[in-house]
Amino acid sequence: MNKIFSLVLILLAFDAVGQQLSISGNITDTENEAVLSGASVRILNSQLGTVTDIDGKYEIKVSPGVYKVSVSYVGYAGRQQKVVVSDRS
């Protein structure tokens, strides 16, 4: 049986120095809210990606645009989510 995890995305304000934005969040098990460290988080159709840290957190620097974020973790069903990143305040 495949478990399900939650994909929490948080769009952060741009960095005044580099004018770059981030897609970040936490990956947890939806049933017991356990953090999933080592989950693979990537932006489809790009070479951008990372793995979650020991607290299930991740951050990927991006430019404004529309992205499809994909998350995978051993023993869990994969998940994808569309994310719109804008530099408007």
C-alpha atoms as a PDB file:
ATOM      1  CA  MET A   1       0.000   0.000   0.000  1.00  0.00           C
ATOM      2  CA  ASN A   2       1.355   3.411  -0.951  1.00  0.00           C
ATOM      3  CA  LYS A   3       1.365   6.039   1.735  1.00  0.00           C
ATOM      4  CA  ILE A   4       0.526   9.640   0.974  1.00  0.00           C
ATOM      5  CA  PHE A   5       2.558  12.655   1.949  1.00  0.00           C
ATOM      6  CA  SER A   6       1.671  16.292   2.049  1.00  0.00           C
ATOM      7  CA  LEU A   7       3.431  18.820  -0.083  1.00  0.00           C
ATOM      8  CA  VAL A   8       3.509  22.191   1.602  1.00  0.00           C
ATOM      9  CA  LEU A   9       4.733  25.024  -0.549  1.00  0.00           C
ATOM     10  CA  ILE A  10       5.637  28.427   0.735  1.00  0.00           C
ATOM     11  CA  LEU A  11       6.540  31.185  -1.675  1.00  0.00           C
ATOM     12  CA  LEU A  12       9.059  33.534  -0.167  1.00  0.00           C
ATOM     13  CA  ALA A  13       9.515  37.193  -1.000  1.00  0.00           C
ATOM     14  CA  PHE A  14      12.373  38.038  -3.310  1.00  0.00           C
ATOM     15  CA  ASP A  15      15.854  38.628  -2.035  1.00  0.00           C
ATOM     16  CA  ALA A  16      16.621  42.338  -2.449  1.00  0.00           C
ATOM     17  CA  VAL A  17      20.219  41.603  -3.419  1.00  0.00           C
ATOM     18  CA  GLY A  18      19.780  38.902  -6.042  1.00  0.00           C
ATOM     19  CA  GLN A  19      16.149  39.527  -6.977  1.00  0.00           C
ATOM     20  CA  GLN A  20      15.667  35.782  -6.788  1.00  0.00           C
ATOM     21  CA  LEU A  21      12.655  33.966  -5.409  1.00  0.00           C
ATOM     22  CA  SER A  22      12.301  30.612  -3.690  1.00  0.00           C
ATOM     23  CA  ILE A  23       9.903  27.725  -3.609  1.00  0.00           C
ATOM     24  CA  SER A  24      10.166  26.170  -0.164  1.00  0.00           C
ATOM     25  CA  GLY A  25       8.180  24.099   2.252  1.00  0.00           C
ATOM     26  CA  ASN A  26       7.915  20.935   4.342  1.00  0.00           C
ATOM     27  CA  ILE A  27       7.241  17.336   3.318  1.00  0.00           C
ATOM     28  CA  THR A  28       5.311  15.264   5.870  1.00  0.00           C
ATOM     29  CA  ASP A  29       3.263  12.074   6.089  1.00  0.00           C
ATOM     30  CA  THR A  30      -0.434  13.041   5.921  1.00  0.00           C
ATOM     31  CA  GLU A  31      -1.518  10.315   8.333  1.00  0.00           C
ATOM     32  CA  ASN A  32       0.825  10.933  11.256  1.00  0.00           C
ATOM     33  CA  GLU A  33       2.531  14.208  10.282  1.00  0.00           C
ATOM     34  CA  ALA A  34       5.981  12.588  10.490  1.00  0.00           C
ATOM     35  CA  VAL A  35       8.615  14.583   8.629  1.00  0.00           C
ATOM     36  CA  LEU A  36      10.108  12.928   5.563  1.00  0.00           C
ATOM     37  CA  SER A  37      13.808  13.713   5.473  1.00  0.00           C
ATOM     38  CA  GLY A  38      15.559  12.808   2.242  1.00  0.00           C
ATOM     39  CA  ALA A  39      12.494  13.246   0.005  1.00  0.00           C
ATOM     40  CA  SER A  40      13.351  14.275  -3.544  1.00  0.00           C
ATOM     41  CA  VAL A  41      11.847  17.627  -4.582  1.00  0.00           C
ATOM     42  CA  ARG A  42      12.380  18.773  -8.153  1.00  0.00           C
ATOM     43  CA  ILE A  43      11.083  21.183 -10.742  1.00  0.00           C
ATOM     44  CA  LEU A  44       9.889  19.211 -13.768  1.00  0.00           C
ATOM     45  CA  ASN A  45      11.436  20.025 -17.154  1.00  0.00           C
ATOM     46  CA  SER A  46      14.453  21.635 -15.496  1.00  0.00           C
ATOM     47  CA  GLN A  47      17.596  20.627 -13.682  1.00  0.00           C
ATOM     48  CA  LEU A  48      16.479  22.297 -10.456  1.00  0.00           C
ATOM     49  CA  GLY A  49      15.899  20.145  -7.417  1.00  0.00           C
ATOM     50  CA  THR A  50      16.952  19.238  -3.909  1.00  0.00           C
ATOM     51  CA  VAL A  51      16.273  16.790  -1.089  1.00  0.00           C
ATOM     52  CA  THR A  52      14.551  17.599   2.180  1.00  0.00           C
ATOM     53  CA  ASP A  53      16.692  18.138   5.255  1.00  0.00           C
ATOM     54  CA  ILE A  54      16.361  16.297   8.565  1.00  0.00           C
ATOM     55  CA  ASP A  55      13.274  18.399   9.399  1.00  0.00           C
ATOM     56  CA  GLY A  56      11.575  17.673   6.050  1.00  0.00           C
ATOM     57  CA  LYS A  57      12.241  21.219   4.793  1.00  0.00           C
ATOM     58  CA  TYR A  58      13.439  22.247   1.348  1.00  0.00           C
ATOM     59  CA  GLU A  59      14.160  25.379  -0.674  1.00  0.00           C
ATOM     60  CA  ILE A  60      14.736  25.832  -4.405  1.00  0.00           C
ATOM     61  CA  LYS A  61      15.794  29.207  -5.835  1.00  0.00           C
ATOM     62  CA  VAL A  62      13.796  30.142  -8.941  1.00  0.00           C
ATOM     63  CA  SER A  63      12.946  33.074 -11.171  1.00  0.00           C
ATOM     64  CA  PRO A  64       9.344  34.264 -11.582  1.00  0.00           C
ATOM     65  CA  GLY A  65       7.297  31.787 -13.599  1.00  0.00           C
ATOM     66  CA  VAL A  66       4.974  28.782 -13.543  1.00  0.00           C
ATOM     67  CA  TYR A  67       6.493  25.514 -12.325  1.00  0.00           C
ATOM     68  CA  LYS A  68       5.405  21.943 -11.712  1.00  0.00           C
ATOM     69  CA  VAL A  69       6.979  20.645  -8.493  1.00  0.00           C
ATOM     70  CA  SER A  70       7.397  16.886  -8.160  1.00  0.00           C
ATOM     71  CA  VAL A  71       8.034  15.091  -4.857  1.00  0.00           C
ATOM     72  CA  SER A  72       9.019  11.472  -4.417  1.00  0.00           C
ATOM     73  CA  TYR A  73       9.962   9.346  -1.422  1.00  0.00           C
ATOM     74  CA  VAL A  74      10.553   5.605  -1.108  1.00  0.00           C
ATOM     75  CA  GLY A  75       7.367   3.797  -0.046  1.00  0.00           C
ATOM     76  CA  TYR A  76       5.092   6.736  -0.893  1.00  0.00           C
ATOM     77  CA  ALA A  77       3.082   7.631  -3.975  1.00  0.00           C
ATOM     78  CA  GLY A  78       4.660  10.530  -5.884  1.00  0.00           C
ATOM     79  CA  ARG A  79       2.960  13.884  -5.999  1.00  0.00           C
ATOM     80  CA  GLN A  80       3.050  16.884  -8.330  1.00  0.00           C
ATOM     81  CA  GLN A  81       1.764  20.400  -7.816  1.00  0.00           C
ATOM     82  CA  LYS A  82       1.653  23.489 -10.034  1.00  0.00           C
ATOM     83  CA  VAL A  83       3.245  26.579  -8.486  1.00  0.00           C
ATOM     84  CA  VAL A  84       3.078  30.162  -9.756  1.00  0.00           C
ATOM     85  CA  VAL A  85       5.977  32.326  -8.586  1.00  0.00           C
ATOM     86  CA  SER A  86       5.609  36.088  -8.930  1.00  0.00           C
ATOM     87  CA  ASP A  87       7.804  38.965  -7.812  1.00  0.00           C
ATOM     88  CA  ARG A  88       4.796  41.189  -7.166  1.00  0.00           C
ATOM     89  CA  SER A  89       4.489  42.296  -3.547  1.00  0.00           C
END
